[in-house]
């Protein structure tokens, strides 16, 4: 009987230690999963920054920068041909781009705006181009164009409001 009691005690002790080791392994696995998710989030953020820089690194002129900004504001609401035509018209009238430059700028701006996730990133990245090369009246014209595109449906999305505020503050008008 005593041997049976000792045997039962040993089996119970082995079971308890097995259960404790399993729980420890689950805790370690959970911590490793969390670390993996953090590393993945970090890598995704790094990749997003690289693609943002790649898409916007080709922008050199204020007119091209304006086109990218206008399309990124329009893409917040999933723009269509009406917005594209309006942006083309603005680039012709306000910026004074010739037709051949405008066609290239529009095609590039559509691509670049589709690569960028939000207009705030566009404003932050392109603000130095506008600050260095635009006068006060040109800055006001840029803000007016951006507000008109953001307002095409009669309302502005919160991300558009944020980008317009950042643009106004960055251009100091």
Protein backbone atom coordinates (compact mmCIF):
# COMPACT_ATOMS: atom_id res chain seq x y z
CA UNK A 1 0.00 0.00 0.00
CA UNK A 2 2.84 2.34 0.80
CA UNK A 3 4.43 1.61 -2.56
CA UNK A 4 1.17 2.50 -4.25
CA UNK A 5 1.03 5.80 -2.29
CA UNK A 6 4.64 6.66 -3.21
CA UNK A 7 3.99 5.74 -6.83
CA UNK A 8 0.86 7.90 -6.88
CA UNK A 9 2.84 10.78 -5.29
CA UNK A 10 5.61 10.50 -7.88
CA UNK A 11 3.11 10.40 -10.74
CA UNK A 12 1.30 13.43 -9.28
CA UNK A 13 4.59 15.32 -8.87
CA UNK A 14 5.56 14.52 -12.45
CA UNK A 15 2.12 15.69 -13.64
CA UNK A 16 2.35 18.95 -11.67
CA UNK A 17 5.84 19.70 -12.99
CA UNK A 18 4.78 18.79 -16.51
CA UNK A 19 1.81 21.18 -16.24
CA UNK A 20 4.03 23.96 -14.82
CA UNK A 21 6.58 23.55 -17.64
CA UNK A 22 3.78 23.61 -20.21
CA UNK A 23 2.42 26.86 -18.74
CA UNK A 24 5.93 28.37 -18.77
CA UNK A 25 6.33 27.34 -22.41
CA UNK A 26 3.00 28.96 -23.30
CA UNK A 27 4.06 32.18 -21.56
CA UNK A 28 7.37 32.20 -23.45
CA UNK A 29 5.56 31.47 -26.73
CA UNK A 30 3.20 34.37 -26.06
CA UNK A 31 6.10 36.71 -25.37
CA UNK A 32 7.86 35.55 -28.55
CA UNK A 33 4.69 36.12 -30.59
CA UNK A 34 4.37 39.64 -29.18
CA UNK A 35 8.02 40.35 -29.99
CA UNK A 36 7.49 39.02 -33.52
CA UNK A 37 4.45 41.27 -34.01
CA UNK A 38 6.42 44.29 -32.80
CA UNK A 39 9.28 43.49 -35.16
CA UNK A 40 6.82 43.03 -38.01
CA UNK A 41 5.18 46.38 -37.25
CA UNK A 42 8.61 48.03 -37.19
CA UNK A 43 9.56 46.44 -40.52
CA UNK A 44 6.23 47.47 -42.10
CA UNK A 45 6.77 51.07 -40.91
CA UNK A 46 10.30 51.10 -42.33
CA UNK A 47 9.03 49.75 -45.66
CA UNK A 48 6.24 52.34 -45.74
CA UNK A 49 8.78 55.12 -45.21
CA UNK A 50 10.99 53.74 -47.98
CA UNK A 51 8.10 53.60 -50.46
CA UNK A 52 6.97 57.07 -49.45
CA UNK A 53 10.44 58.44 -50.06
CA UNK A 54 10.70 56.57 -53.35
CA UNK A 55 7.39 57.91 -54.63
CA UNK A 56 8.02 61.50 -53.59
CA UNK A 57 11.78 61.68 -54.21
CA UNK A 58 11.24 62.40 -57.91
CA UNK A 59 9.24 65.57 -57.19
CA UNK A 60 11.42 68.61 -57.85
CA UNK A 61 9.18 71.45 -59.00
CA UNK A 62 6.43 73.19 -57.06
CA UNK A 63 3.96 72.46 -59.87
CA UNK A 64 4.61 68.73 -59.71
CA UNK A 65 4.42 68.89 -55.93
CA UNK A 66 1.07 70.69 -56.15
CA UNK A 67 -0.27 68.04 -58.52
CA UNK A 68 0.74 65.25 -56.13
CA UNK A 69 -0.87 67.06 -53.20
CA UNK A 70 -4.11 67.69 -55.09
CA UNK A 71 -4.41 64.06 -56.18
CA UNK A 72 -3.61 62.78 -52.69
CA UNK A 73 -6.40 64.99 -51.30
CA UNK A 74 -8.77 63.77 -54.02
CA UNK A 75 -7.86 60.10 -53.41
CA UNK A 76 -9.10 60.36 -49.82
CA UNK A 77 -12.63 60.27 -51.28
CA UNK A 78 -11.78 57.92 -54.17
CA UNK A 79 -11.64 60.48 -56.94
CA UNK A 80 -12.89 59.94 -60.44
CA UNK A 81 -12.47 61.60 -63.82
CA UNK A 82 -14.22 64.79 -62.66
CA UNK A 83 -11.57 65.45 -60.01
CA UNK A 84 -8.76 64.62 -62.42
CA UNK A 85 -10.16 67.04 -65.00
CA UNK A 86 -10.54 69.73 -62.33
CA UNK A 87 -6.96 69.24 -61.15
CA UNK A 88 -5.73 69.42 -64.75
CA UNK A 89 -7.66 72.65 -65.23
CA UNK A 90 -6.21 74.10 -62.01
CA UNK A 91 -2.68 73.23 -63.08
CA UNK A 92 -3.29 74.99 -66.39
CA UNK A 93 -4.97 78.11 -65.00
CA UNK A 94 -3.36 78.68 -61.61
CA UNK A 95 0.07 77.11 -61.99
CA UNK A 96 0.38 77.93 -65.69
CA UNK A 97 1.78 74.57 -66.74
CA UNK A 98 2.01 73.92 -70.47
CA UNK A 99 -0.08 71.02 -71.79
CA UNK A 100 2.84 68.60 -72.33
CA UNK A 101 4.28 69.21 -68.83
CA UNK A 102 0.81 69.01 -67.34
CA UNK A 103 0.14 65.59 -68.87
CA UNK A 104 3.38 64.24 -67.41
CA UNK A 105 2.73 65.89 -64.05
CA UNK A 106 -0.80 64.49 -63.86
CA UNK A 107 0.30 60.96 -64.76
CA UNK A 108 3.13 61.05 -62.22
CA UNK A 109 0.93 62.66 -59.55
CA UNK A 110 -1.74 59.97 -59.93
CA UNK A 111 0.88 57.27 -59.41
CA UNK A 112 2.65 59.02 -56.52
CA UNK A 113 -0.62 59.85 -54.74
CA UNK A 114 -1.73 56.23 -55.00
CA UNK A 115 1.54 55.10 -53.38
CA UNK A 116 1.21 57.47 -50.40
CA UNK A 117 -1.20 56.50 -47.66
CA UNK A 118 -2.29 59.93 -46.50
CA UNK A 119 -2.04 63.58 -47.54
CA UNK A 120 -0.25 64.59 -44.32
CA UNK A 121 2.79 62.61 -45.47
CA UNK A 122 2.72 64.41 -48.81
CA UNK A 123 2.54 67.82 -47.15
CA UNK A 124 5.38 67.03 -44.74
CA UNK A 125 7.62 65.71 -47.50
CA UNK A 126 6.93 68.43 -50.08
CA UNK A 127 6.67 71.46 -47.80
CA UNK A 128 10.35 72.42 -48.27
CA UNK A 129 9.86 72.62 -52.05
CA UNK A 130 6.99 75.06 -51.67
CA UNK A 131 8.63 77.05 -48.88
CA UNK A 132 11.80 77.63 -50.88
CA UNK A 133 10.29 78.51 -54.23
CA UNK A 134 6.84 80.06 -53.75
CA UNK A 135 5.98 83.64 -52.92
CA UNK A 136 3.10 84.66 -50.67
CA UNK A 137 0.50 84.92 -53.47
CA UNK A 138 1.57 81.55 -54.91
CA UNK A 139 1.33 79.95 -51.47
CA UNK A 140 -2.19 81.33 -51.06
CA UNK A 141 -3.10 80.01 -54.52
CA UNK A 142 -1.79 76.55 -53.56
CA UNK A 143 -3.87 76.56 -50.38
CA UNK A 144 -6.95 77.68 -52.32
CA UNK A 145 -6.50 74.88 -54.86
CA UNK A 146 -6.05 72.30 -52.10
CA UNK A 147 -9.16 73.54 -50.27
CA UNK A 148 -11.20 73.44 -53.48
CA UNK A 149 -10.20 69.83 -54.19
CA UNK A 150 -10.87 68.79 -50.61
CA UNK A 151 -14.27 70.49 -50.79
CA UNK A 152 -15.48 69.04 -54.11
CA UNK A 153 -18.20 66.92 -52.49
CA UNK A 154 -19.27 69.71 -50.19
CA UNK A 155 -17.48 68.37 -47.12
CA UNK A 156 -13.96 67.60 -46.00
CA UNK A 157 -12.77 64.37 -44.44
CA UNK A 158 -10.86 64.73 -41.15
CA UNK A 159 -7.59 63.67 -42.80
CA UNK A 160 -8.08 66.39 -45.43
CA UNK A 161 -8.74 69.00 -42.74
CA UNK A 162 -5.56 67.89 -40.98
CA UNK A 163 -3.49 68.08 -44.18
CA UNK A 164 -4.86 71.53 -45.04
CA UNK A 165 -4.06 72.78 -41.53
CA UNK A 166 -0.54 71.37 -41.81
CA UNK A 167 -0.15 73.03 -45.21
CA UNK A 168 -1.33 76.42 -43.92
CA UNK A 169 0.89 76.22 -40.87
CA UNK A 170 3.88 75.02 -42.84
CA UNK A 171 3.61 77.77 -45.44
CA UNK A 172 3.03 80.37 -42.69
CA UNK A 173 0.30 82.33 -44.42
